[in-house]
Protein backbone atom coordinates (compact mmCIF):
# COMPACT_ATOMS: atom_id res chain seq x y z
CA MET A 1 0.06 -0.26 -0.13
CA GLN A 2 1.18 3.51 -0.67
CA ASN A 3 1.59 5.91 2.21
CA SER A 4 -0.69 8.55 0.62
CA GLN A 5 -4.02 9.19 -0.90
CA ASN A 6 -4.69 10.02 -4.48
CA GLN A 7 -0.81 10.10 -5.12
CA GLN A 8 -0.37 10.93 -9.08
CA ASN A 9 2.86 10.01 -10.71
CA ALA A 10 3.93 9.58 -14.32
CA THR A 11 5.75 6.27 -15.02
CA SER A 12 6.74 4.51 -18.19
CA GLU A 13 6.20 1.22 -16.44
CA ILE A 14 2.84 0.10 -15.44
CA PRO A 15 2.46 -1.69 -12.27
CA MET A 16 1.38 -5.42 -12.75
CA SER A 17 1.44 -4.98 -16.43
CA GLU A 18 1.83 -8.59 -17.41
CA LEU A 19 -1.17 -9.68 -15.26
CA LEU A 20 -3.21 -6.76 -16.59
CA ASN A 21 -2.30 -7.65 -20.39
CA TYR A 22 -3.22 -11.31 -19.52
CA HIS A 23 -6.48 -10.23 -18.06
CA LYS A 24 -7.31 -8.39 -21.15
CA GLN A 25 -6.51 -11.24 -23.34
CA ILE A 26 -8.92 -13.44 -20.99
CA ALA A 27 -11.64 -10.76 -21.45
CA GLU A 28 -11.23 -10.74 -25.12
CA GLN A 29 -11.16 -14.57 -25.63
CA TYR A 30 -14.50 -14.94 -23.72
CA LYS A 31 -16.41 -11.62 -24.56
CA ASP A 32 -18.82 -13.52 -26.66
CA VAL A 33 -18.96 -16.62 -24.73
CA ASP A 34 -21.74 -17.66 -22.05
CA PRO A 35 -19.90 -18.41 -19.02
CA VAL A 36 -22.52 -21.24 -18.15
CA GLN A 37 -21.38 -23.17 -21.29
CA VAL A 38 -17.76 -23.17 -20.30
CA THR A 39 -16.59 -26.59 -18.75
CA THR A 40 -14.18 -26.51 -15.90
CA SER A 41 -12.30 -29.94 -15.37
CA PRO A 42 -11.99 -31.32 -11.82
CA ASP A 43 -8.30 -31.73 -12.27
CA LEU A 44 -7.99 -27.72 -12.74
CA LEU A 45 -10.08 -27.30 -9.61
CA ALA A 46 -7.86 -29.67 -7.70
CA LEU A 47 -4.76 -28.20 -9.07
CA MET A 48 -5.79 -24.63 -7.68
CA ALA A 49 -5.25 -25.81 -4.21
CA PHE A 50 -1.47 -25.64 -5.10
CA ASN A 51 -1.79 -22.30 -6.85
CA GLY A 52 1.32 -20.16 -6.30
CA TYR A 53 4.75 -19.15 -7.39
CA TYR A 54 7.36 -21.65 -6.46
CA ALA A 55 10.98 -20.75 -6.39
CA MET A 56 13.01 -23.77 -7.91
CA THR A 57 16.48 -24.77 -6.61
CA ASN A 58 18.11 -25.85 -9.82
CA THR A 59 18.96 -22.35 -11.07
CA PRO A 60 19.10 -18.98 -9.32
CA GLY A 61 16.03 -17.22 -10.53
CA ALA A 62 14.32 -20.29 -11.96
CA PHE A 63 10.54 -20.68 -10.91
CA PHE A 64 7.25 -22.54 -11.65
CA THR A 65 4.21 -20.91 -10.91
CA VAL A 66 0.62 -22.55 -10.85
CA ASP A 67 -1.39 -19.45 -11.89
CA THR A 68 -5.13 -19.10 -11.56
CA ASN A 69 -7.41 -16.46 -12.90
CA ILE A 70 -11.03 -16.38 -12.78
CA HIS A 71 -13.07 -14.03 -15.10
CA ILE A 72 -16.61 -12.59 -14.66
CA GLN A 73 -18.32 -11.70 -17.88
CA ASN A 74 -21.15 -9.04 -18.24
CA GLY A 75 -22.33 -9.52 -14.75
CA SER A 76 -22.51 -13.24 -14.50
CA SER A 77 -22.40 -14.86 -11.26
CA THR A 78 -20.59 -17.88 -13.02
CA PRO A 79 -16.73 -17.65 -13.14
CA ILE A 80 -14.76 -18.60 -15.88
CA TYR A 81 -11.54 -20.49 -14.69
CA ASP A 82 -8.25 -20.24 -16.31
CA LEU A 83 -5.16 -21.94 -15.27
CA ALA A 84 -1.61 -21.79 -16.72
CA LEU A 85 1.71 -23.02 -15.79
CA ILE A 86 4.45 -20.49 -15.76
CA ILE A 87 7.75 -21.86 -16.33
CA CYS A 88 11.26 -20.38 -16.29
CA MET A 89 14.05 -22.72 -16.18
CA ASP A 90 17.06 -20.40 -16.32
CA GLY A 91 16.06 -17.34 -14.57
CA LYS A 92 16.07 -15.32 -17.69
CA THR A 93 13.12 -16.47 -20.00
CA SER A 94 9.63 -17.57 -19.09
CA TYR A 95 6.61 -19.02 -20.82
CA ARG A 96 3.12 -19.15 -20.04
CA VAL A 97 1.60 -22.52 -20.85
CA PRO A 98 -2.15 -23.39 -20.54
CA PHE A 99 -2.78 -26.34 -18.46
CA THR A 100 -3.98 -29.26 -20.29
CA GLY A 101 -2.67 -32.25 -18.30
CA THR A 102 -3.93 -34.10 -15.35
CA PHE A 103 -3.74 -33.72 -11.62
CA ASP A 104 -5.12 -36.34 -9.13
CA GLY A 105 -4.66 -34.21 -6.13
CA THR A 106 -0.82 -35.11 -5.82
CA HIS A 107 0.72 -35.78 -9.32
CA LEU A 108 0.92 -33.42 -12.08
CA LYS A 109 1.49 -34.56 -15.56
CA GLN A 110 1.16 -32.67 -18.70
CA THR A 111 2.91 -33.30 -22.14
CA GLY A 112 4.57 -30.78 -24.26
CA THR A 113 3.39 -30.80 -27.84
CA ALA A 114 4.97 -28.01 -29.67
CA ALA A 115 7.79 -25.25 -29.21
CA ASN A 116 7.93 -23.40 -25.96
CA THR A 117 5.78 -26.17 -24.33
CA PHE A 118 6.98 -28.64 -21.65
CA ASP A 119 6.71 -32.23 -20.34
CA VAL A 120 5.79 -31.82 -16.77
CA THR A 121 6.00 -34.50 -14.08
CA LEU A 122 5.65 -33.32 -10.58
CA THR A 123 4.62 -34.46 -7.12
CA PHE A 124 3.06 -31.94 -4.89
CA THR A 125 2.56 -31.91 -1.11
CA HIS A 126 1.29 -29.40 1.41
CA SER A 127 4.62 -29.12 3.59
CA GLY A 128 2.93 -27.93 7.05
CA GLN A 129 4.57 -24.65 6.48
CA LEU A 130 8.02 -25.97 6.91
CA ASN A 131 10.38 -22.87 7.45
CA GLY A 132 7.33 -20.70 6.58
CA THR A 133 6.86 -22.30 3.03
CA ILE A 134 3.29 -24.06 2.53
CA ALA A 135 3.60 -26.27 -0.23
CA SER A 136 6.41 -27.99 -2.40
CA PHE A 137 7.09 -30.32 -5.36
CA THR A 138 9.75 -32.64 -6.90
CA GLY A 139 10.02 -34.15 -10.20
CA THR A 140 11.15 -33.39 -13.65
CA ILE A 141 10.53 -30.61 -16.22
CA THR A 142 11.44 -31.27 -19.94
CA PRO A 143 11.44 -28.64 -22.82
CA PHE A 144 9.73 -29.97 -25.83
CA GLY A 145 12.58 -31.97 -27.65
CA GLY A 146 14.95 -31.33 -24.95
CA THR A 147 16.42 -32.94 -22.03
CA ALA A 148 14.70 -33.70 -18.65
CA THR A 149 15.75 -31.50 -15.86
CA THR A 150 15.36 -32.74 -12.17
CA VAL A 151 13.62 -29.87 -9.99
CA SER A 152 12.30 -29.17 -6.68
CA GLY A 153 10.18 -25.90 -5.63
CA SER A 154 8.55 -24.46 -2.79
CA THR A 155 6.02 -21.57 -2.19
CA TYR A 156 4.99 -19.25 0.44
CA ASN A 157 1.76 -18.57 -1.44
CA ASN A 158 -1.65 -19.74 -0.69
CA PRO A 159 -4.70 -19.19 -2.90
CA ILE A 160 -7.19 -16.72 -1.70
CA HIS A 161 -10.53 -16.80 -3.39
CA TYR A 162 -12.69 -13.84 -4.36
CA ASP A 163 -15.24 -14.24 -1.44
CA GLN A 164 -12.69 -13.73 1.22
CA TYR A 165 -12.59 -9.97 0.44
CA ILE A 166 -16.43 -9.40 0.71
CA GLY A 167 -17.02 -6.09 2.52
CA GLU A 168 -17.26 -2.27 2.02
CA TYR A 169 -14.04 -0.27 1.45
CA TYR A 170 -13.21 3.15 2.41
CA GLU A 171 -10.33 5.58 1.21
CA THR A 172 -7.90 5.84 4.06
CA VAL A 173 -4.36 6.09 5.43
CA PRO A 174 -2.73 2.67 5.92
CA LEU A 175 -2.10 1.87 9.50
CA HIS A 176 0.74 -0.49 8.90
CA ILE A 177 2.87 2.40 7.44
CA SER A 178 1.56 5.52 9.46
CA PRO A 179 -0.66 4.44 12.35
CA SER A 180 -2.69 7.39 12.67
CA ASN A 181 -6.47 7.94 13.16
CA THR A 182 -6.55 11.12 10.65
CA LYS A 183 -8.61 10.29 7.58
CA LYS A 184 -9.14 12.40 4.55
CA THR A 185 -12.31 10.74 3.84
CA SER A 186 -14.81 8.06 5.11
CA VAL A 187 -16.64 8.04 1.79
CA LYS A 188 -17.34 4.34 0.65
CA VAL A 189 -15.64 3.86 -2.65
CA MET A 190 -16.06 0.20 -3.30
CA LYS A 191 -18.16 -2.69 -2.34
CA ILE A 192 -17.25 -6.39 -2.92
CA GLU A 193 -20.43 -8.64 -2.57
CA ASP A 194 -21.03 -12.49 -2.92
CA ASN A 195 -22.08 -13.89 -6.38
CA TYR A 196 -19.15 -11.97 -7.75
CA GLN A 197 -20.53 -8.63 -7.53
CA ILE A 198 -18.30 -5.41 -7.40
CA SER A 199 -19.59 -1.71 -7.14
CA TYR A 200 -16.82 0.93 -7.37
CA ASP A 201 -16.42 4.77 -7.29
CA SER A 202 -13.33 6.30 -8.95
CA THR A 203 -14.17 9.80 -8.15
CA GLY A 204 -14.62 9.54 -4.38
CA ASN A 205 -18.15 11.11 -4.26
CA GLY A 206 -19.95 8.15 -2.95
CA THR A 207 -21.69 7.11 -6.14
CA LEU A 208 -21.13 3.55 -6.76
CA THR A 209 -21.37 1.86 -10.11
CA THR A 210 -21.53 -1.83 -10.90
CA VAL A 211 -18.59 -3.29 -12.52
CA ASP A 212 -19.88 -5.46 -15.33
CA SER A 213 -16.81 -7.58 -16.11
CA PHE A 214 -13.48 -8.26 -14.11
CA SER A 215 -10.64 -10.67 -13.74
CA TYR A 216 -9.01 -11.90 -10.65
CA ASN A 217 -5.73 -13.51 -9.82
CA LEU A 218 -5.47 -15.85 -7.06
CA ASN A 219 -1.84 -15.60 -6.56
CA MET A 220 -1.42 -12.00 -6.21
CA TYR A 221 -4.94 -11.21 -4.76
CA PHE A 222 -5.29 -8.95 -7.95
CA PHE A 223 -8.45 -7.62 -9.47
CA SER A 224 -8.47 -5.85 -12.64
CA PHE A 225 -11.24 -4.23 -14.89
CA THR A 226 -11.41 -1.07 -17.31
CA GLU A 227 -13.51 2.17 -16.76
CA GLY A 228 -13.34 4.17 -20.12
CA ASN A 229 -9.81 4.82 -20.99
CA ASN A 230 -8.56 3.60 -17.39
CA SER A 231 -7.15 0.35 -16.16
CA ILE A 232 -8.31 -0.34 -12.65
CA SER A 233 -6.18 -2.49 -10.43
CA LEU A 234 -6.88 -3.65 -7.02
CA ILE A 235 -4.20 -5.38 -4.96
CA MET A 236 -5.74 -6.85 -2.02
CA GLY A 237 -4.51 -7.68 1.56
CA THR A 238 -5.05 -6.94 5.16
CA ALA A 239 -4.35 -3.85 7.47
CA SER A 240 -4.47 -4.98 10.99
CA ALA A 241 -7.34 -3.21 12.82
CA GLY A 242 -8.25 -1.78 9.29
CA GLY A 243 -9.63 -5.07 8.25
CA PHE A 244 -9.06 -5.88 4.70
CA ALA A 245 -6.96 -3.54 2.54
CA CYS A 246 -6.56 -2.53 -0.92
CA ASN A 247 -3.69 -0.75 -3.17
CA ASN A 248 -6.04 0.84 -5.70
CA MET A 249 -4.20 1.97 -8.72
CA THR A 250 -5.91 3.83 -11.74
CA VAL A 251 -3.76 3.93 -14.95
CA ASP A 252 -4.51 6.26 -17.84
CA ASN A 253 -3.60 4.12 -20.78
CA THR A 254 -2.72 7.21 -22.82
CA SER A 255 -0.63 9.27 -20.53
CA HIS A 256 0.73 6.44 -18.31
CA THR A 257 -0.30 8.51 -15.43
CA VAL A 258 -0.87 6.33 -12.23
CA VAL A 259 -3.17 7.60 -9.45
CA SER A 260 -2.92 5.43 -6.39
CA ARG A 261 -5.07 5.32 -3.07
CA SER A 262 -5.37 3.14 -0.24
CA LEU A 263 -8.49 1.51 0.88
CA GLN A 264 -9.76 -0.61 3.96
CA THR A 265 -12.99 -2.06 5.30
CA ILE A 266 -12.98 -0.34 8.63
CA SER A 267 -13.34 3.27 8.27
CA PHE A 268 -12.35 4.52 11.63
CA PRO A 269 -10.30 1.81 13.55
CA VAL A 270 -9.53 2.92 17.13
CA MET A 271 -5.90 2.39 18.02
CA ALA A 272 -5.15 2.12 21.78
CA SER A 273 -1.84 3.90 21.03
CA ASN A 274 -0.30 5.09 18.02
CA GLU A 275 3.24 4.68 19.43
CA ILE A 276 5.28 1.56 18.91
CA PRO A 277 6.38 0.34 22.40
CA ASN A 278 9.74 0.96 23.56
CA LEU A 279 9.86 -2.58 25.16
CA THR A 280 8.28 -5.72 23.25
CA PRO A 281 8.11 -9.16 24.67
CA ASP A 282 10.78 -11.72 23.42
CA SER A 283 7.83 -13.72 22.38
CA ALA A 284 6.80 -11.05 19.69
CA LYS A 285 8.80 -13.13 16.99
CA ASP A 286 6.99 -16.22 17.97
CA LEU A 287 3.43 -14.51 17.57
CA ALA A 288 4.74 -12.93 14.28
CA GLN A 289 4.94 -16.42 12.69
CA PHE A 290 0.90 -16.43 13.15
CA SER A 291 0.35 -13.27 11.13
CA GLY A 292 -2.92 -13.44 9.32
CA TYR A 293 -6.49 -12.26 9.18
CA TYR A 294 -8.53 -14.75 11.23
CA SER A 295 -12.20 -14.70 10.33
CA LEU A 296 -14.50 -15.05 13.39
CA PRO A 297 -17.87 -16.19 12.09
CA SER A 298 -18.70 -17.65 15.50
CA ILE A 299 -19.17 -14.11 16.76
CA ALA A 300 -20.41 -12.34 13.66
CA PRO A 301 -20.14 -12.89 9.81
CA LEU A 302 -17.27 -10.21 9.24
CA ALA A 303 -15.92 -10.29 12.59
CA PHE A 304 -12.05 -10.94 12.82
CA ILE A 305 -8.95 -10.75 14.87
CA SER A 306 -5.94 -9.69 12.70
CA ILE A 307 -2.11 -10.38 13.70
CA GLN A 308 0.26 -8.09 11.66
CA ALA A 309 3.85 -8.14 12.39
CA GLN A 310 6.22 -5.16 11.62
CA TYR A 311 10.03 -6.53 11.25
CA ILE A 312 11.95 -3.30 12.14
CA ASN A 313 15.84 -4.14 12.08
CA GLU A 314 16.77 -0.99 14.03
CA LEU A 315 15.10 -2.61 17.22
CA GLY A 316 17.73 -5.43 17.13
CA ASP A 317 16.39 -7.51 14.44
CA ASP A 318 12.90 -8.17 16.04
CA TYR A 319 9.22 -7.85 15.57
CA VAL A 320 6.61 -5.38 16.63
CA VAL A 321 3.13 -7.08 16.25
CA MET A 322 -0.12 -5.11 15.89
CA ILE A 323 -3.28 -6.69 16.76
CA GLY A 324 -6.71 -5.89 15.34
CA LEU A 325 -10.05 -6.94 16.88
CA SER A 326 -13.39 -6.25 15.33
CA LEU A 327 -16.59 -7.97 16.68
CA ASP A 328 -18.91 -6.84 13.92
CA GLY A 329 -16.97 -6.17 10.87
CA VAL A 330 -17.84 -2.46 10.88
CA THR A 331 -15.85 -1.04 14.06
CA SER A 332 -12.42 -2.22 15.30
CA GLN A 333 -9.75 -1.60 18.09
CA GLY A 334 -6.13 -1.86 17.67
CA PHE A 335 -3.00 -2.37 19.94
CA TYR A 336 0.26 -3.15 20.07
CA PHE A 337 1.53 -6.59 21.71
CA ASP A 338 3.37 -5.42 24.70
CA THR A 339 4.82 -6.44 28.14
CA THR A 340 1.26 -6.58 29.79
CA MET A 341 0.44 -9.54 27.34
CA ASN A 342 1.69 -13.00 27.11
CA PHE A 343 2.25 -15.41 24.22
CA SER A 344 3.44 -18.81 25.42
CA GLU A 345 2.99 -22.36 23.80
CA ASN A 346 1.20 -20.68 21.03
CA LYS A 347 -1.43 -19.26 23.57
CA LEU A 348 -1.92 -15.50 23.35
CA THR A 349 -3.34 -13.94 26.62
CA ILE A 350 -4.43 -9.98 26.67
CA PRO A 351 -5.89 -8.86 29.99
CA ASN A 352 -7.44 -5.71 28.58
CA PRO A 353 -9.37 -6.39 26.31
CA ALA A 354 -10.00 -9.95 27.68
CA ILE A 355 -8.63 -12.21 25.04
CA THR A 356 -7.27 -15.86 25.32
CA LEU A 357 -6.61 -17.41 22.04
CA THR A 358 -4.55 -20.64 21.04
CA PHE A 359 -3.14 -20.76 17.72
CA THR A 360 -2.41 -23.99 15.67
CA LYS A 361 -0.60 -24.25 12.59
CA ALA A 362 -1.97 -26.80 10.23
CA TYR A 363 -3.21 -26.92 6.79
CA ASP A 364 -6.93 -27.68 6.36
CA ALA A 365 -8.01 -29.00 2.88
CA THR A 366 -11.51 -28.21 3.35
CA ASN A 367 -11.38 -24.38 3.80
CA LYS A 368 -7.64 -24.30 2.53
CA SER A 369 -6.66 -22.53 5.66
CA LEU A 370 -3.07 -22.52 7.18
CA ALA A 371 -3.70 -21.78 10.91
CA SER A 372 -6.60 -21.64 13.34
CA VAL A 373 -7.64 -20.12 16.61
CA THR A 374 -9.87 -21.27 19.47
CA GLY A 375 -10.73 -19.62 22.81
CA THR A 376 -12.63 -16.81 24.31
CA VAL A 377 -12.85 -13.00 23.23
CA MET A 378 -14.51 -10.35 25.33
CA GLY A 379 -17.10 -12.46 26.90
CA ASN A 380 -17.53 -14.55 23.42
CA ASN A 381 -16.87 -18.27 24.66
CA ASN A 382 -16.01 -20.87 22.27
CA VAL A 383 -14.65 -18.70 19.47
CA THR A 384 -13.13 -20.37 16.34
CA GLY A 385 -11.68 -18.94 13.50
CA TYR A 386 -8.95 -19.51 10.78
CA THR A 387 -6.72 -17.47 8.37
CA LEU A 388 -5.70 -18.36 4.61
CA PHE A 389 -2.90 -15.66 4.76
CA ASN A 390 0.70 -16.54 5.18
CA PRO A 391 3.72 -14.30 5.99
CA VAL A 392 6.42 -14.09 3.51
CA PRO A 393 9.94 -13.20 4.47
CA LEU A 394 11.86 -10.51 2.70
CA SER A 395 14.55 -12.90 1.49
CA ALA A 396 11.86 -14.62 -0.66
CA PHE A 397 12.18 -11.87 -3.21
CA GLY A 398 15.99 -12.38 -3.73
CA GLY A 399 17.62 -14.70 -6.03
CA LEU A 400 17.97 -12.26 -8.90
CA PRO A 401 18.05 -8.41 -8.92
CA MET A 402 14.86 -6.72 -10.19
CA THR A 403 15.35 -4.13 -12.91
CA ASN A 404 13.50 -2.00 -15.54
CA LYS A 405 13.96 0.15 -18.61
CA GLN A 406 14.75 3.25 -16.77
CA GLY A 407 17.81 1.83 -15.16
CA VAL A 408 16.44 1.05 -11.69
CA LYS A 409 17.77 -1.92 -10.05
CA LEU A 410 16.54 -3.55 -6.91
CA THR A 411 18.37 -6.22 -4.84
CA VAL A 412 17.13 -8.11 -1.94
CA VAL A 413 20.30 -8.94 -0.05
CA ASN A 414 18.47 -10.79 2.74
CA ASP A 415 15.96 -10.17 5.51
CA ASN A 416 17.70 -7.21 6.85
CA GLU A 417 18.74 -5.36 3.54
CA VAL A 418 17.99 -4.52 0.16
CA ILE A 419 19.96 -2.21 -2.25
CA TYR A 420 17.94 0.30 -4.37
CA ALA A 421 19.82 1.83 -7.24
CA GLY A 422 17.18 4.22 -8.25
CA THR A 423 17.18 7.13 -10.75
CA GLN A 424 19.00 9.49 -8.40
CA ILE A 425 21.17 7.41 -6.07
CA THR A 426 22.08 4.02 -5.13
CA THR A 427 20.94 3.30 -1.45
CA PRO A 428 21.84 0.25 0.65
CA MET A 429 18.86 0.04 2.74
CA LYS A 430 19.55 -1.28 6.33
CA SER A 431 16.94 0.73 8.31
CA ILE A 432 13.80 -0.90 7.09
CA LEU A 433 10.30 -1.85 8.22
CA TYR A 434 9.04 -4.58 6.62
CA VAL A 435 5.43 -6.06 6.90
CA PRO A 436 5.55 -9.92 6.04
CA ILE A 437 1.64 -10.47 5.67
CA MET A 438 1.70 -7.54 3.19
CA TYR A 439 5.01 -7.91 1.50
CA ILE A 440 5.58 -3.96 2.20
CA LEU A 441 9.01 -2.44 2.88
CA ALA A 442 9.37 1.12 4.19
CA TYR A 443 12.48 3.04 4.40
CA PRO A 444 13.70 4.48 6.57
CA SER A 445 11.71 2.70 9.36
CA THR A 446 10.88 6.08 10.87
CA ASN A 447 9.19 8.69 8.76
CA PRO A 448 9.61 6.71 5.41
CA THR A 449 10.32 8.40 2.18
CA THR A 450 10.33 5.06 0.06
CA VAL A 451 7.70 2.35 0.14
CA MET A 452 8.16 -0.87 -1.79
CA SER A 453 5.30 -3.36 -2.59
CA PHE A 454 6.70 -6.77 -3.51
CA GLY A 455 4.94 -9.67 -5.31
CA THR A 456 5.01 -11.53 -8.63
CA ASP A 457 3.71 -10.48 -11.98
CA GLY A 458 3.01 -13.46 -13.88
CA LYS A 459 5.81 -14.36 -16.62
CA ARG A 460 8.02 -11.69 -15.29
CA GLY A 461 8.48 -13.45 -11.83
CA ASN A 462 9.12 -11.22 -8.61
CA THR A 463 8.31 -7.84 -8.85
CA CYS A 464 8.44 -4.65 -6.88
CA ILE A 465 6.24 -1.40 -7.14
CA ILE A 466 8.50 1.40 -5.70
CA THR A 467 7.18 4.79 -4.59
CA ASP A 468 9.47 7.55 -3.58
CA ASN A 469 9.90 11.28 -3.75
CA ASN A 470 10.74 10.96 -7.56
CA GLY A 471 7.80 8.77 -8.72
CA ILE A 472 6.57 5.36 -8.97
CA TYR A 473 9.02 2.63 -10.64
CA VAL A 474 8.43 -0.92 -11.26
CA THR A 475 11.10 -3.48 -11.25
CA TYR A 476 11.02 -7.08 -12.45
CA ALA A 477 13.22 -10.21 -12.17
CA ILE A 478 12.51 -10.84 -15.90
CA PRO A 479 12.35 -7.82 -18.34
CA ASP A 480 9.32 -7.76 -20.47
CA GLU A 481 11.35 -8.74 -23.66
CA SER A 482 12.52 -12.04 -22.09
CA ALA A 483 8.91 -13.03 -21.13
CA ASN A 484 7.39 -15.04 -23.95
């Protein structure tokens, strides 16, 4: 998320352009098709459980992506599913290959039939979040007419479906970057409803218009649709006490001007303190491993507790944890995990407000969740909930530098340092704040002037949207001309 509202910058690189272009291709492909008549194979639906970007160990920068998109056409409540395999064997060139093979829940088999296709024989497992990763594979990948390569890979990604983000969204200042209750507006600018219905207002005057057609990527939690000459992008996430969050970018396709604003579902979260505590418990790092948005439907349909860690290396390579609580999905309160609280043997105890929750890490195949909670919350007994979200370490975006045509170069050295060779200066960034659940980095950690939003962009692999005083820059592990 950007640290400002309605921030406008010119850029020669469009954020998430590969995914945007692919969504346009999907829309064109199905523009005259009745979604009800589109058949989705059971194998495709099964493989969606392993959706994600898998860094491979055979070559630096190599990756394999199970990439799922859904497309909603002309207001239909029936999604069209599109699943492709994105394959990069050398860290330099990548290919998007439609899924035409078989998947029995564990074994993926697909035969290459032409140039730039592959024989794929992989065995997938959910790894129980070993070292933070949630799934892995082993097997072989063979370029058409080439030699088989033994490969293995793992991912931090977990597919999150459309209905996770149901709610009403308001323009705001993101709490994880600037924890302040000052809001420029409380006008509702977006509503995501069930049955694939989205209403949106680009003007901020509160008049919502139905979005007839849109596409959604389950890997980057990324929506896109068009509005006149503009491309609208929604990168979804969470915002502690702010509920669900959205980095909303509007790109003028003629001028390449980008307008960015931050949205969240809780309009006015109440923070117990806006100041990072001077002392944090040693167990904060343990609690940080359970970062996520935990729906609490046993209390109310949109109730939640959110655990959101901030890694601040100036504080001795440790974590500060923000906790957000909403009993109704409309109002919320937030507070920092401090020495008045306790987290031991995966049990969180907070005396005020009265919260006792036990966290368990385990993959649940039914709801695709990664961790669950049970306990009591402010007089509500037998509370249960779960999260689909997974914290991703900064080092996951390493492997190869990310570059662009403007000469910007971004290198993730490790979890403590990135080197940003921008248009003005080369900066080794060691004073950083990083939010693992949102893939957001701010520099310096106090009063940041540079914000980086990490992720993946289809065939381009790892990507980062960089906002500083000079504008918005987008960097990629694979330049556009190398993505086939």
